[in-house]
């Protein structure tokens, strides 16, 4: 985002900035690093007041991917006369 520091910001710049962030996050999403995301860089958060203060605001909302931290493997040794369906009720 350093390319935009100290530059005049137009509506098309906001679109380009959002697209750059979206492309970066989409790459992470395709590799299952995040579940989903939303990027906001528009006039709803870049008000006239924030622009007068020389501020450019971008909000990024992330839904993180969930990973298995614990894997439980249960083992039951059952007699030959017991069916697997019956054995599943033991565990």
C-alpha atoms as a PDB file:
ATOM      1  CA  UNK A   1       0.000   0.000   0.000  1.00  0.00           C
ATOM      2  CA  UNK A   2       3.058   2.232   0.105  1.00  0.00           C
ATOM      3  CA  UNK A   3       2.402   3.116  -3.543  1.00  0.00           C
ATOM      4  CA  UNK A   4      -0.627   5.119  -2.409  1.00  0.00           C
ATOM      5  CA  UNK A   5       0.930   6.899   0.534  1.00  0.00           C
ATOM      6  CA  UNK A   6       0.934  10.690   0.022  1.00  0.00           C
ATOM      7  CA  UNK A   7      -1.038  10.357  -3.254  1.00  0.00           C
ATOM      8  CA  UNK A   8      -4.444  11.814  -3.979  1.00  0.00           C
ATOM      9  CA  UNK A   9      -6.981   9.024  -3.624  1.00  0.00           C
ATOM     10  CA  UNK A  10      -9.765   8.595  -6.172  1.00  0.00           C
ATOM     11  CA  UNK A  11     -12.674   6.162  -6.259  1.00  0.00           C
ATOM     12  CA  UNK A  12     -10.815   4.070  -8.832  1.00  0.00           C
ATOM     13  CA  UNK A  13      -7.835   3.880  -6.449  1.00  0.00           C
ATOM     14  CA  UNK A  14     -10.103   2.430  -3.784  1.00  0.00           C
ATOM     15  CA  UNK A  15     -11.235  -0.238  -6.241  1.00  0.00           C
ATOM     16  CA  UNK A  16      -7.644  -1.096  -7.183  1.00  0.00           C
ATOM     17  CA  UNK A  17      -6.563  -1.279  -3.536  1.00  0.00           C
ATOM     18  CA  UNK A  18      -9.499  -3.566  -2.713  1.00  0.00           C
ATOM     19  CA  UNK A  19      -8.682  -5.788  -5.703  1.00  0.00           C
ATOM     20  CA  UNK A  20      -5.037  -6.078  -4.627  1.00  0.00           C
ATOM     21  CA  UNK A  21      -6.024  -7.130  -1.131  1.00  0.00           C
ATOM     22  CA  UNK A  22      -8.716  -9.488  -2.464  1.00  0.00           C
ATOM     23  CA  UNK A  23      -6.212 -11.154  -4.828  1.00  0.00           C
ATOM     24  CA  UNK A  24      -3.762 -11.632  -1.958  1.00  0.00           C
ATOM     25  CA  UNK A  25      -6.443 -13.114   0.301  1.00  0.00           C
ATOM     26  CA  UNK A  26      -7.924 -15.281  -2.465  1.00  0.00           C
ATOM     27  CA  UNK A  27      -4.516 -16.892  -2.931  1.00  0.00           C
ATOM     28  CA  UNK A  28      -4.437 -17.732   0.775  1.00  0.00           C
ATOM     29  CA  UNK A  29      -8.029 -18.992   0.629  1.00  0.00           C
ATOM     30  CA  UNK A  30      -7.308 -21.371  -2.270  1.00  0.00           C
ATOM     31  CA  UNK A  31      -4.503 -22.870  -0.172  1.00  0.00           C
ATOM     32  CA  UNK A  32      -6.994 -23.257   2.721  1.00  0.00           C
ATOM     33  CA  UNK A  33      -5.213 -20.711   4.890  1.00  0.00           C
ATOM     34  CA  UNK A  34      -8.495 -18.867   5.540  1.00  0.00           C
ATOM     35  CA  UNK A  35     -12.102 -19.977   5.150  1.00  0.00           C
ATOM     36  CA  UNK A  36     -13.494 -16.700   3.794  1.00  0.00           C
ATOM     37  CA  UNK A  37     -12.936 -12.946   3.838  1.00  0.00           C
ATOM     38  CA  UNK A  38     -14.508  -9.581   3.124  1.00  0.00           C
ATOM     39  CA  UNK A  39     -12.596  -6.438   2.179  1.00  0.00           C
ATOM     40  CA  UNK A  40     -14.209  -3.001   2.496  1.00  0.00           C
ATOM     41  CA  UNK A  41     -12.498   0.041   0.979  1.00  0.00           C
ATOM     42  CA  UNK A  42     -15.212   2.437  -0.074  1.00  0.00           C
ATOM     43  CA  UNK A  43     -16.965   5.647   0.897  1.00  0.00           C
ATOM     44  CA  UNK A  44     -18.722   3.947   3.830  1.00  0.00           C
ATOM     45  CA  UNK A  45     -15.440   3.940   5.765  1.00  0.00           C
ATOM     46  CA  UNK A  46     -13.560   6.610   3.808  1.00  0.00           C
ATOM     47  CA  UNK A  47     -15.676   9.581   4.693  1.00  0.00           C
ATOM     48  CA  UNK A  48     -14.970  13.180   3.793  1.00  0.00           C
ATOM     49  CA  UNK A  49     -13.708  13.625   7.356  1.00  0.00           C
ATOM     50  CA  UNK A  50     -11.219  10.754   7.087  1.00  0.00           C
ATOM     51  CA  UNK A  51      -9.988  12.057   3.730  1.00  0.00           C
ATOM     52  CA  UNK A  52      -9.615  15.546   5.237  1.00  0.00           C
ATOM     53  CA  UNK A  53      -7.481  13.897   7.930  1.00  0.00           C
ATOM     54  CA  UNK A  54      -5.307  12.310   5.197  1.00  0.00           C
ATOM     55  CA  UNK A  55      -6.480   8.833   6.156  1.00  0.00           C
ATOM     56  CA  UNK A  56      -7.252   5.908   3.884  1.00  0.00           C
ATOM     57  CA  UNK A  57      -9.229   3.174   5.606  1.00  0.00           C
ATOM     58  CA  UNK A  58      -9.475  -0.469   4.588  1.00  0.00           C
ATOM     59  CA  UNK A  59     -11.376  -3.009   6.687  1.00  0.00           C
ATOM     60  CA  UNK A  60     -10.600  -6.706   6.291  1.00  0.00           C
ATOM     61  CA  UNK A  61     -12.852  -9.330   7.892  1.00  0.00           C
ATOM     62  CA  UNK A  62     -11.483 -12.876   8.088  1.00  0.00           C
ATOM     63  CA  UNK A  63     -13.071 -16.236   8.810  1.00  0.00           C
ATOM     64  CA  UNK A  64     -10.197 -18.444   9.820  1.00  0.00           C
ATOM     65  CA  UNK A  65      -9.890 -22.056   8.677  1.00  0.00           C
ATOM     66  CA  UNK A  66     -10.328 -24.668  11.337  1.00  0.00           C
ATOM     67  CA  UNK A  67      -7.762 -27.412  11.613  1.00  0.00           C
ATOM     68  CA  UNK A  68      -7.724 -30.638  13.568  1.00  0.00           C
ATOM     69  CA  UNK A  69      -5.614 -30.073  16.648  1.00  0.00           C
ATOM     70  CA  UNK A  70      -6.405 -33.428  18.203  1.00  0.00           C
ATOM     71  CA  UNK A  71      -6.967 -36.710  16.389  1.00  0.00           C
ATOM     72  CA  UNK A  72      -8.430 -39.541  18.420  1.00  0.00           C
ATOM     73  CA  UNK A  73      -8.071 -43.099  17.170  1.00  0.00           C
ATOM     74  CA  UNK A  74     -10.015 -45.689  19.125  1.00  0.00           C
ATOM     75  CA  UNK A  75      -9.172 -49.371  18.758  1.00  0.00           C
ATOM     76  CA  UNK A  76     -11.328 -52.261  19.897  1.00  0.00           C
ATOM     77  CA  UNK A  77     -10.289 -55.887  19.648  1.00  0.00           C
ATOM     78  CA  UNK A  78     -13.426 -57.958  19.197  1.00  0.00           C
ATOM     79  CA  UNK A  79     -14.081 -61.682  19.033  1.00  0.00           C
ATOM     80  CA  UNK A  80     -14.485 -63.332  15.640  1.00  0.00           C
ATOM     81  CA  UNK A  81     -18.082 -64.161  16.476  1.00  0.00           C
ATOM     82  CA  UNK A  82     -19.025 -60.507  16.890  1.00  0.00           C
ATOM     83  CA  UNK A  83     -20.076 -58.547  13.813  1.00  0.00           C
ATOM     84  CA  UNK A  84     -18.558 -55.141  13.174  1.00  0.00           C
ATOM     85  CA  UNK A  85     -22.007 -53.574  13.512  1.00  0.00           C
ATOM     86  CA  UNK A  86     -22.245 -55.017  17.015  1.00  0.00           C
ATOM     87  CA  UNK A  87     -18.666 -53.993  17.751  1.00  0.00           C
ATOM     88  CA  UNK A  88     -19.411 -50.356  16.854  1.00  0.00           C
ATOM     89  CA  UNK A  89     -21.848 -50.220  19.776  1.00  0.00           C
ATOM     90  CA  UNK A  90     -19.078 -51.166  22.216  1.00  0.00           C
ATOM     91  CA  UNK A  91     -16.941 -48.078  21.617  1.00  0.00           C
END
